[in-house]
Amino acid sequence: MIPVTAELKKVVGILQVRNLSNSFIMQKNIINPWTWQDARSYAQAVEVKNAAGTLYVSGQTAISDQGVSSDEDMRSQIIHTIQNLEKVIHEADYELKNVVRLNIYTTSSSELFENFDVIQNWINKNNIKQASTVLEVKSLFETLKIELEATVVK
């Protein structure tokens, strides 16, 4: 791991981190030409420069450690799906705050948005600033209602 100074510089949506030799490690630029998306917990675009690595996370769902699909309600599946996503990100030694893209697939937009506070609270708690797409699909595997696909940088 490269040592990093405690100094973080945040200017106009740009986060710059310098290592001890004073060179940039990673820069994350949040692009929001409007403000309306702020209430929906996402960014219109995220630019990343000087990333040391990029993690492309396959769609995570509410599947148990034994590979059994959940048949619970949407809220429970969202919580379980987030837990599985976190597990993969942490296992790869990446940080949640560096999620730069989050795609959400659901079999029911209405059920998803009734429970969207779970996702928004998770995003806000982890200081995630990501580009996002939400898609309603005809079906997911077996009894699943939601799938989260992420891109994470460091």
N, C-alpha and C. Protein backbone atom coordinates (compact mmCIF):
# COMPACT_ATOMS: atom_id res chain seq x y z
N MET A 1 0.84 -1.17 0.00
CA MET A 1 0.00 0.00 0.00
C MET A 1 0.88 1.24 0.00
N ILE A 2 0.54 2.22 -0.80
CA ILE A 2 1.30 3.47 -0.89
C ILE A 2 0.91 4.37 0.26
N PRO A 3 1.90 4.90 1.03
CA PRO A 3 1.56 5.81 2.12
C PRO A 3 0.93 7.09 1.58
N VAL A 4 -0.06 7.59 2.29
CA VAL A 4 -0.78 8.79 1.85
C VAL A 4 -0.74 9.80 2.98
N THR A 5 -0.55 11.06 2.63
CA THR A 5 -0.58 12.10 3.65
C THR A 5 -2.00 12.28 4.12
N ALA A 6 -2.16 12.88 5.27
CA ALA A 6 -3.49 13.10 5.83
C ALA A 6 -4.22 14.22 5.09
N GLU A 7 -3.51 14.93 4.23
CA GLU A 7 -4.11 16.07 3.54
C GLU A 7 -4.98 15.60 2.38
N LEU A 8 -6.24 15.92 2.44
CA LEU A 8 -7.16 15.69 1.34
C LEU A 8 -7.62 17.04 0.84
N LYS A 9 -7.67 17.21 -0.45
CA LYS A 9 -8.04 18.49 -1.03
C LYS A 9 -9.32 18.30 -1.81
N LYS A 10 -10.39 18.99 -1.42
CA LYS A 10 -11.66 18.88 -2.11
C LYS A 10 -12.02 20.26 -2.65
N VAL A 11 -12.06 20.38 -3.96
CA VAL A 11 -12.36 21.65 -4.61
C VAL A 11 -13.34 21.37 -5.74
N VAL A 12 -14.49 22.02 -5.73
CA VAL A 12 -15.48 21.92 -6.79
C VAL A 12 -15.73 20.47 -7.21
N GLY A 13 -15.99 19.62 -6.25
CA GLY A 13 -16.33 18.23 -6.55
C GLY A 13 -15.15 17.36 -6.92
N ILE A 14 -13.92 17.85 -6.79
CA ILE A 14 -12.75 17.06 -7.13
C ILE A 14 -12.06 16.61 -5.85
N LEU A 15 -11.85 15.33 -5.71
CA LEU A 15 -11.11 14.79 -4.57
C LEU A 15 -9.74 14.37 -5.07
N GLN A 16 -8.70 14.98 -4.51
CA GLN A 16 -7.34 14.65 -4.91
C GLN A 16 -6.60 14.09 -3.71
N VAL A 17 -5.90 12.98 -3.90
CA VAL A 17 -5.12 12.37 -2.83
C VAL A 17 -3.68 12.32 -3.30
N ARG A 18 -2.76 12.80 -2.45
CA ARG A 18 -1.34 12.78 -2.80
C ARG A 18 -0.62 11.74 -1.94
N ASN A 19 0.39 11.08 -2.52
CA ASN A 19 1.22 10.19 -1.72
C ASN A 19 2.37 11.00 -1.13
N LEU A 20 3.25 10.37 -0.37
CA LEU A 20 4.31 11.09 0.32
C LEU A 20 5.31 11.75 -0.63
N SER A 21 5.41 11.28 -1.85
CA SER A 21 6.30 11.92 -2.82
C SER A 21 5.60 13.07 -3.54
N ASN A 22 4.40 13.43 -3.06
CA ASN A 22 3.62 14.58 -3.54
C ASN A 22 3.07 14.38 -4.96
N SER A 23 2.98 13.14 -5.44
CA SER A 23 2.35 12.92 -6.73
C SER A 23 0.92 12.42 -6.50
N PHE A 24 0.05 12.68 -7.45
CA PHE A 24 -1.35 12.29 -7.29
C PHE A 24 -1.52 10.79 -7.42
N ILE A 25 -2.34 10.22 -6.54
CA ILE A 25 -2.67 8.80 -6.62
C ILE A 25 -3.96 8.64 -7.41
N MET A 26 -5.03 9.27 -6.95
CA MET A 26 -6.31 9.15 -7.63
C MET A 26 -7.05 10.47 -7.53
N GLN A 27 -7.76 10.81 -8.59
CA GLN A 27 -8.61 11.99 -8.60
C GLN A 27 -9.99 11.57 -9.06
N LYS A 28 -11.00 11.93 -8.29
CA LYS A 28 -12.38 11.60 -8.61
C LYS A 28 -13.14 12.91 -8.79
N ASN A 29 -13.68 13.15 -9.97
CA ASN A 29 -14.39 14.37 -10.28
C ASN A 29 -15.87 14.05 -10.48
N ILE A 30 -16.73 14.67 -9.68
CA ILE A 30 -18.17 14.47 -9.77
C ILE A 30 -18.74 15.55 -10.68
N ILE A 31 -19.48 15.16 -11.72
CA ILE A 31 -20.06 16.11 -12.66
C ILE A 31 -21.57 16.11 -12.50
N ASN A 32 -22.11 17.25 -12.06
CA ASN A 32 -23.54 17.44 -11.89
C ASN A 32 -23.92 18.81 -12.43
N PRO A 33 -24.38 18.91 -13.69
CA PRO A 33 -24.78 20.21 -14.22
C PRO A 33 -26.03 20.77 -13.53
N TRP A 34 -26.79 19.91 -12.85
CA TRP A 34 -28.01 20.31 -12.15
C TRP A 34 -27.90 19.92 -10.69
N THR A 35 -28.93 20.22 -9.91
CA THR A 35 -28.94 19.84 -8.49
C THR A 35 -30.02 18.81 -8.17
N TRP A 36 -30.97 18.58 -9.07
CA TRP A 36 -32.10 17.71 -8.75
C TRP A 36 -31.69 16.28 -8.42
N GLN A 37 -30.57 15.80 -8.97
CA GLN A 37 -30.16 14.42 -8.70
C GLN A 37 -29.64 14.24 -7.28
N ASP A 38 -29.29 15.33 -6.60
CA ASP A 38 -28.76 15.22 -5.24
C ASP A 38 -29.75 14.52 -4.31
N ALA A 39 -31.04 14.79 -4.47
CA ALA A 39 -32.07 14.17 -3.63
C ALA A 39 -32.23 12.69 -3.95
N ARG A 40 -31.69 12.26 -5.08
CA ARG A 40 -31.81 10.85 -5.48
C ARG A 40 -30.51 10.07 -5.25
N SER A 41 -29.54 10.70 -4.62
CA SER A 41 -28.29 10.05 -4.19
C SER A 41 -27.47 9.45 -5.33
N TYR A 42 -27.27 10.23 -6.39
CA TYR A 42 -26.35 9.80 -7.44
C TYR A 42 -25.79 11.01 -8.17
N ALA A 43 -24.81 10.76 -9.03
CA ALA A 43 -24.18 11.82 -9.82
C ALA A 43 -24.48 11.57 -11.30
N GLN A 44 -24.50 12.64 -12.08
CA GLN A 44 -24.71 12.49 -13.52
C GLN A 44 -23.52 11.81 -14.18
N ALA A 45 -22.33 12.07 -13.68
CA ALA A 45 -21.12 11.43 -14.21
C ALA A 45 -20.02 11.47 -13.16
N VAL A 46 -19.12 10.51 -13.24
CA VAL A 46 -17.95 10.46 -12.36
C VAL A 46 -16.73 10.21 -13.24
N GLU A 47 -15.77 11.13 -13.15
CA GLU A 47 -14.51 10.97 -13.87
C GLU A 47 -13.44 10.53 -12.88
N VAL A 48 -12.66 9.52 -13.24
CA VAL A 48 -11.59 9.04 -12.37
C VAL A 48 -10.28 9.13 -13.14
N LYS A 49 -9.28 9.75 -12.51
CA LYS A 49 -7.94 9.83 -13.09
C LYS A 49 -6.94 9.22 -12.12
N ASN A 50 -5.91 8.62 -12.65
CA ASN A 50 -4.81 8.06 -11.85
C ASN A 50 -5.26 6.96 -10.88
N ALA A 51 -6.21 6.15 -11.28
CA ALA A 51 -6.66 5.05 -10.41
C ALA A 51 -5.59 3.96 -10.38
N ALA A 52 -5.36 3.41 -9.20
CA ALA A 52 -4.40 2.32 -9.04
C ALA A 52 -5.03 0.98 -9.43
N GLY A 53 -6.35 0.92 -9.45
CA GLY A 53 -7.04 -0.30 -9.81
C GLY A 53 -8.51 -0.04 -10.03
N THR A 54 -9.15 -0.91 -10.79
CA THR A 54 -10.59 -0.82 -11.04
C THR A 54 -11.18 -2.20 -10.81
N LEU A 55 -12.24 -2.26 -10.01
CA LEU A 55 -12.92 -3.51 -9.71
C LEU A 55 -14.29 -3.48 -10.38
N TYR A 56 -14.55 -4.44 -11.25
CA TYR A 56 -15.84 -4.57 -11.91
C TYR A 56 -16.59 -5.69 -11.20
N VAL A 57 -17.61 -5.33 -10.44
CA VAL A 57 -18.33 -6.31 -9.62
C VAL A 57 -19.53 -6.83 -10.39
N SER A 58 -19.60 -8.14 -10.56
CA SER A 58 -20.76 -8.78 -11.19
C SER A 58 -22.01 -8.47 -10.38
N GLY A 59 -23.15 -8.61 -11.02
CA GLY A 59 -24.41 -8.36 -10.33
C GLY A 59 -24.53 -9.18 -9.06
N GLN A 60 -24.78 -8.49 -7.96
CA GLN A 60 -24.96 -9.15 -6.66
C GLN A 60 -26.44 -9.15 -6.32
N THR A 61 -26.89 -10.24 -5.71
CA THR A 61 -28.30 -10.41 -5.38
C THR A 61 -28.44 -10.94 -3.96
N ALA A 62 -29.67 -11.20 -3.58
CA ALA A 62 -29.96 -11.74 -2.25
C ALA A 62 -29.86 -13.27 -2.29
N ILE A 63 -28.63 -13.74 -2.45
CA ILE A 63 -28.37 -15.18 -2.47
C ILE A 63 -27.55 -15.52 -1.23
N SER A 64 -27.91 -16.61 -0.55
CA SER A 64 -27.21 -17.01 0.67
C SER A 64 -25.81 -17.50 0.35
N ASP A 65 -25.01 -17.70 1.39
CA ASP A 65 -23.65 -18.23 1.24
C ASP A 65 -23.66 -19.63 0.62
N GLN A 66 -24.79 -20.31 0.71
CA GLN A 66 -24.93 -21.65 0.14
C GLN A 66 -25.49 -21.61 -1.29
N GLY A 67 -25.74 -20.40 -1.83
CA GLY A 67 -26.22 -20.26 -3.20
C GLY A 67 -27.72 -20.36 -3.35
N VAL A 68 -28.47 -20.18 -2.26
CA VAL A 68 -29.93 -20.26 -2.30
C VAL A 68 -30.51 -18.86 -2.48
N SER A 69 -31.37 -18.71 -3.50
CA SER A 69 -32.00 -17.42 -3.78
C SER A 69 -33.05 -17.09 -2.73
N SER A 70 -33.11 -15.82 -2.35
CA SER A 70 -34.09 -15.37 -1.37
C SER A 70 -35.48 -15.31 -2.00
N ASP A 71 -36.49 -15.62 -1.19
CA ASP A 71 -37.87 -15.41 -1.63
C ASP A 71 -38.56 -14.39 -0.72
N GLU A 72 -37.73 -13.58 -0.03
CA GLU A 72 -38.25 -12.56 0.88
C GLU A 72 -38.79 -11.36 0.10
N ASP A 73 -39.33 -10.39 0.85
CA ASP A 73 -39.87 -9.18 0.23
C ASP A 73 -38.74 -8.30 -0.30
N MET A 74 -39.11 -7.26 -1.05
CA MET A 74 -38.14 -6.38 -1.69
C MET A 74 -37.18 -5.75 -0.68
N ARG A 75 -37.70 -5.22 0.42
CA ARG A 75 -36.85 -4.55 1.41
C ARG A 75 -35.77 -5.49 1.94
N SER A 76 -36.17 -6.70 2.30
CA SER A 76 -35.22 -7.69 2.81
C SER A 76 -34.19 -8.06 1.75
N GLN A 77 -34.64 -8.19 0.50
CA GLN A 77 -33.71 -8.52 -0.57
C GLN A 77 -32.72 -7.39 -0.83
N ILE A 78 -33.17 -6.14 -0.73
CA ILE A 78 -32.25 -5.01 -0.90
C ILE A 78 -31.15 -5.07 0.16
N ILE A 79 -31.55 -5.27 1.40
CA ILE A 79 -30.59 -5.32 2.52
C ILE A 79 -29.57 -6.45 2.29
N HIS A 80 -30.06 -7.63 1.94
CA HIS A 80 -29.19 -8.79 1.72
C HIS A 80 -28.27 -8.55 0.52
N THR A 81 -28.80 -7.96 -0.54
CA THR A 81 -28.02 -7.68 -1.74
C THR A 81 -26.88 -6.71 -1.43
N ILE A 82 -27.18 -5.66 -0.66
CA ILE A 82 -26.15 -4.70 -0.26
C ILE A 82 -25.06 -5.40 0.57
N GLN A 83 -25.47 -6.28 1.47
CA GLN A 83 -24.49 -7.02 2.28
C GLN A 83 -23.57 -7.86 1.40
N ASN A 84 -24.13 -8.50 0.39
CA ASN A 84 -23.31 -9.31 -0.52
C ASN A 84 -22.38 -8.44 -1.36
N LEU A 85 -22.87 -7.29 -1.81
CA LEU A 85 -22.03 -6.36 -2.56
C LEU A 85 -20.87 -5.87 -1.71
N GLU A 86 -21.16 -5.49 -0.47
CA GLU A 86 -20.11 -5.05 0.45
C GLU A 86 -19.06 -6.14 0.66
N LYS A 87 -19.51 -7.37 0.81
CA LYS A 87 -18.59 -8.49 1.05
C LYS A 87 -17.60 -8.64 -0.11
N VAL A 88 -18.08 -8.56 -1.34
CA VAL A 88 -17.21 -8.69 -2.51
C VAL A 88 -16.23 -7.53 -2.57
N ILE A 89 -16.71 -6.31 -2.36
CA ILE A 89 -15.85 -5.12 -2.43
C ILE A 89 -14.76 -5.19 -1.36
N HIS A 90 -15.13 -5.53 -0.14
CA HIS A 90 -14.15 -5.62 0.95
C HIS A 90 -13.16 -6.77 0.71
N GLU A 91 -13.64 -7.89 0.22
CA GLU A 91 -12.78 -9.04 -0.05
C GLU A 91 -11.69 -8.68 -1.07
N ALA A 92 -12.03 -7.78 -2.00
CA ALA A 92 -11.07 -7.34 -3.02
C ALA A 92 -10.19 -6.20 -2.52
N ASP A 93 -10.37 -5.79 -1.26
CA ASP A 93 -9.59 -4.72 -0.64
C ASP A 93 -9.84 -3.35 -1.28
N TYR A 94 -11.10 -3.10 -1.62
CA TYR A 94 -11.53 -1.79 -2.10
C TYR A 94 -12.44 -1.18 -1.04
N GLU A 95 -12.70 0.13 -1.17
CA GLU A 95 -13.53 0.83 -0.20
C GLU A 95 -14.87 1.22 -0.82
N LEU A 96 -15.93 1.15 -0.02
CA LEU A 96 -17.27 1.48 -0.50
C LEU A 96 -17.35 2.92 -1.01
N LYS A 97 -16.64 3.84 -0.37
CA LYS A 97 -16.70 5.25 -0.78
C LYS A 97 -16.18 5.45 -2.20
N ASN A 98 -15.49 4.46 -2.76
CA ASN A 98 -14.94 4.57 -4.10
C ASN A 98 -15.76 3.85 -5.16
N VAL A 99 -17.03 3.53 -4.84
CA VAL A 99 -17.95 3.04 -5.87
C VAL A 99 -18.21 4.23 -6.80
N VAL A 100 -17.96 4.05 -8.10
CA VAL A 100 -18.16 5.14 -9.06
C VAL A 100 -19.33 4.86 -10.01
N ARG A 101 -19.81 3.64 -10.04
CA ARG A 101 -20.97 3.30 -10.86
C ARG A 101 -21.77 2.22 -10.14
N LEU A 102 -23.09 2.41 -10.11
CA LEU A 102 -23.98 1.43 -9.49
C LEU A 102 -25.19 1.26 -10.40
N ASN A 103 -25.29 0.09 -11.02
CA ASN A 103 -26.45 -0.23 -11.84
C ASN A 103 -27.41 -1.06 -11.01
N ILE A 104 -28.68 -0.70 -11.08
CA ILE A 104 -29.71 -1.38 -10.29
C ILE A 104 -30.72 -2.01 -11.25
N TYR A 105 -30.87 -3.31 -11.14
CA TYR A 105 -31.85 -4.04 -11.94
C TYR A 105 -32.93 -4.54 -10.99
N THR A 106 -34.18 -4.35 -11.38
CA THR A 106 -35.28 -4.78 -10.51
C THR A 106 -36.43 -5.34 -11.35
N THR A 107 -37.18 -6.23 -10.74
CA THR A 107 -38.36 -6.77 -11.40
C THR A 107 -39.59 -5.91 -11.12
N SER A 108 -39.45 -4.93 -10.22
CA SER A 108 -40.58 -4.05 -9.89
C SER A 108 -40.07 -2.68 -9.46
N SER A 109 -40.16 -1.72 -10.38
CA SER A 109 -39.74 -0.36 -10.05
C SER A 109 -40.55 0.21 -8.90
N SER A 110 -41.84 -0.07 -8.87
CA SER A 110 -42.68 0.48 -7.81
C SER A 110 -42.25 -0.06 -6.44
N GLU A 111 -42.00 -1.36 -6.33
CA GLU A 111 -41.52 -1.92 -5.06
C GLU A 111 -40.14 -1.38 -4.69
N LEU A 112 -39.27 -1.24 -5.70
CA LEU A 112 -37.94 -0.71 -5.45
C LEU A 112 -38.03 0.69 -4.86
N PHE A 113 -38.80 1.57 -5.50
CA PHE A 113 -38.86 2.96 -5.04
C PHE A 113 -39.60 3.11 -3.72
N GLU A 114 -40.49 2.19 -3.39
CA GLU A 114 -41.11 2.19 -2.05
C GLU A 114 -40.07 1.92 -0.97
N ASN A 115 -38.99 1.25 -1.33
CA ASN A 115 -37.94 0.86 -0.38
C ASN A 115 -36.59 1.49 -0.71
N PHE A 116 -36.59 2.49 -1.55
CA PHE A 116 -35.34 3.09 -2.03
C PHE A 116 -34.55 3.77 -0.92
N ASP A 117 -35.23 4.09 0.19
CA ASP A 117 -34.52 4.72 1.31
C ASP A 117 -33.39 3.83 1.83
N VAL A 118 -33.54 2.52 1.71
CA VAL A 118 -32.48 1.60 2.15
C VAL A 118 -31.21 1.84 1.33
N ILE A 119 -31.37 1.95 0.03
CA ILE A 119 -30.22 2.19 -0.85
C ILE A 119 -29.66 3.58 -0.62
N GLN A 120 -30.53 4.59 -0.53
CA GLN A 120 -30.07 5.96 -0.32
C GLN A 120 -29.33 6.10 1.01
N ASN A 121 -29.84 5.50 2.06
CA ASN A 121 -29.16 5.56 3.36
C ASN A 121 -27.79 4.91 3.30
N TRP A 122 -27.69 3.78 2.60
CA TRP A 122 -26.40 3.10 2.43
C TRP A 122 -25.42 3.97 1.64
N ILE A 123 -25.89 4.58 0.56
CA ILE A 123 -25.05 5.46 -0.25
C ILE A 123 -24.55 6.63 0.59
N ASN A 124 -25.46 7.28 1.30
CA ASN A 124 -25.09 8.46 2.10
C ASN A 124 -24.18 8.09 3.27
N LYS A 125 -24.47 6.97 3.94
CA LYS A 125 -23.65 6.53 5.08
C LYS A 125 -22.21 6.27 4.67
N ASN A 126 -22.01 5.78 3.46
CA ASN A 126 -20.68 5.43 2.98
C ASN A 126 -20.05 6.51 2.10
N ASN A 127 -20.71 7.68 2.03
CA ASN A 127 -20.21 8.82 1.26
C ASN A 127 -19.89 8.42 -0.19
N ILE A 128 -20.80 7.65 -0.78
CA ILE A 128 -20.63 7.20 -2.16
C ILE A 128 -21.19 8.27 -3.09
N LYS A 129 -20.43 8.60 -4.12
CA LYS A 129 -20.86 9.53 -5.17
C LYS A 129 -20.67 8.77 -6.48
N GLN A 130 -21.76 8.25 -7.02
CA GLN A 130 -21.67 7.34 -8.16
C GLN A 130 -22.62 7.72 -9.27
N ALA A 131 -22.27 7.34 -10.48
CA ALA A 131 -23.21 7.38 -11.59
C ALA A 131 -24.10 6.14 -11.44
N SER A 132 -25.37 6.25 -11.80
CA SER A 132 -26.29 5.13 -11.62
C SER A 132 -27.27 5.01 -12.77
N THR A 133 -27.72 3.78 -12.97
CA THR A 133 -28.81 3.49 -13.89
C THR A 133 -29.74 2.52 -13.18
N VAL A 134 -31.04 2.77 -13.28
CA VAL A 134 -32.04 1.86 -12.73
C VAL A 134 -32.84 1.30 -13.90
N LEU A 135 -32.92 -0.02 -13.98
CA LEU A 135 -33.66 -0.67 -15.05
C LEU A 135 -34.65 -1.67 -14.48
N GLU A 136 -35.88 -1.62 -14.97
CA GLU A 136 -36.84 -2.67 -14.63
C GLU A 136 -36.73 -3.74 -15.70
N VAL A 137 -36.57 -4.98 -15.24
CA VAL A 137 -36.43 -6.11 -16.15
C VAL A 137 -37.59 -7.08 -15.95
N LYS A 138 -37.84 -7.91 -16.94
CA LYS A 138 -38.95 -8.86 -16.87
C LYS A 138 -38.76 -9.85 -15.73
N SER A 139 -37.54 -10.36 -15.59
CA SER A 139 -37.27 -11.30 -14.50
C SER A 139 -35.78 -11.34 -14.20
N LEU A 140 -35.48 -11.80 -12.99
CA LEU A 140 -34.11 -12.10 -12.57
C LEU A 140 -34.09 -13.58 -12.22
N PHE A 141 -32.97 -14.09 -11.80
CA PHE A 141 -32.83 -15.51 -11.49
C PHE A 141 -33.80 -15.93 -10.39
N GLU A 142 -34.51 -17.02 -10.63
CA GLU A 142 -35.43 -17.63 -9.66
C GLU A 142 -36.37 -16.59 -9.05
N THR A 143 -36.28 -16.39 -7.72
CA THR A 143 -37.23 -15.53 -7.00
C THR A 143 -36.66 -14.15 -6.68
N LEU A 144 -35.55 -13.78 -7.31
CA LEU A 144 -34.87 -12.53 -6.98
C LEU A 144 -35.59 -11.32 -7.57
N LYS A 145 -35.56 -10.21 -6.82
CA LYS A 145 -36.27 -8.99 -7.20
C LYS A 145 -35.33 -7.83 -7.51
N ILE A 146 -34.06 -7.92 -7.07
CA ILE A 146 -33.10 -6.83 -7.26
C ILE A 146 -31.70 -7.38 -7.48
N GLU A 147 -30.95 -6.67 -8.31
CA GLU A 147 -29.55 -7.01 -8.56
C GLU A 147 -28.75 -5.71 -8.64
N LEU A 148 -27.61 -5.67 -7.95
CA LEU A 148 -26.74 -4.49 -7.95
C LEU A 148 -25.42 -4.84 -8.61
N GLU A 149 -25.01 -4.02 -9.56
CA GLU A 149 -23.76 -4.19 -10.28
C GLU A 149 -22.93 -2.93 -10.06
N ALA A 150 -21.67 -3.07 -9.66
CA ALA A 150 -20.88 -1.89 -9.29
C ALA A 150 -19.52 -1.87 -9.97
N THR A 151 -18.99 -0.65 -10.11
CA THR A 151 -17.61 -0.42 -10.51
C THR A 151 -16.97 0.39 -9.40
N VAL A 152 -15.80 -0.07 -8.92
CA VAL A 152 -15.13 0.55 -7.79
C VAL A 152 -13.68 0.82 -8.19
N VAL A 153 -13.13 1.95 -7.74
CA VAL A 153 -11.74 2.30 -8.06
C VAL A 153 -10.94 2.49 -6.79
N LYS A 154 -9.60 2.48 -6.96
CA LYS A 154 -8.72 2.88 -5.85
C LYS A 154 -7.45 3.47 -6.40
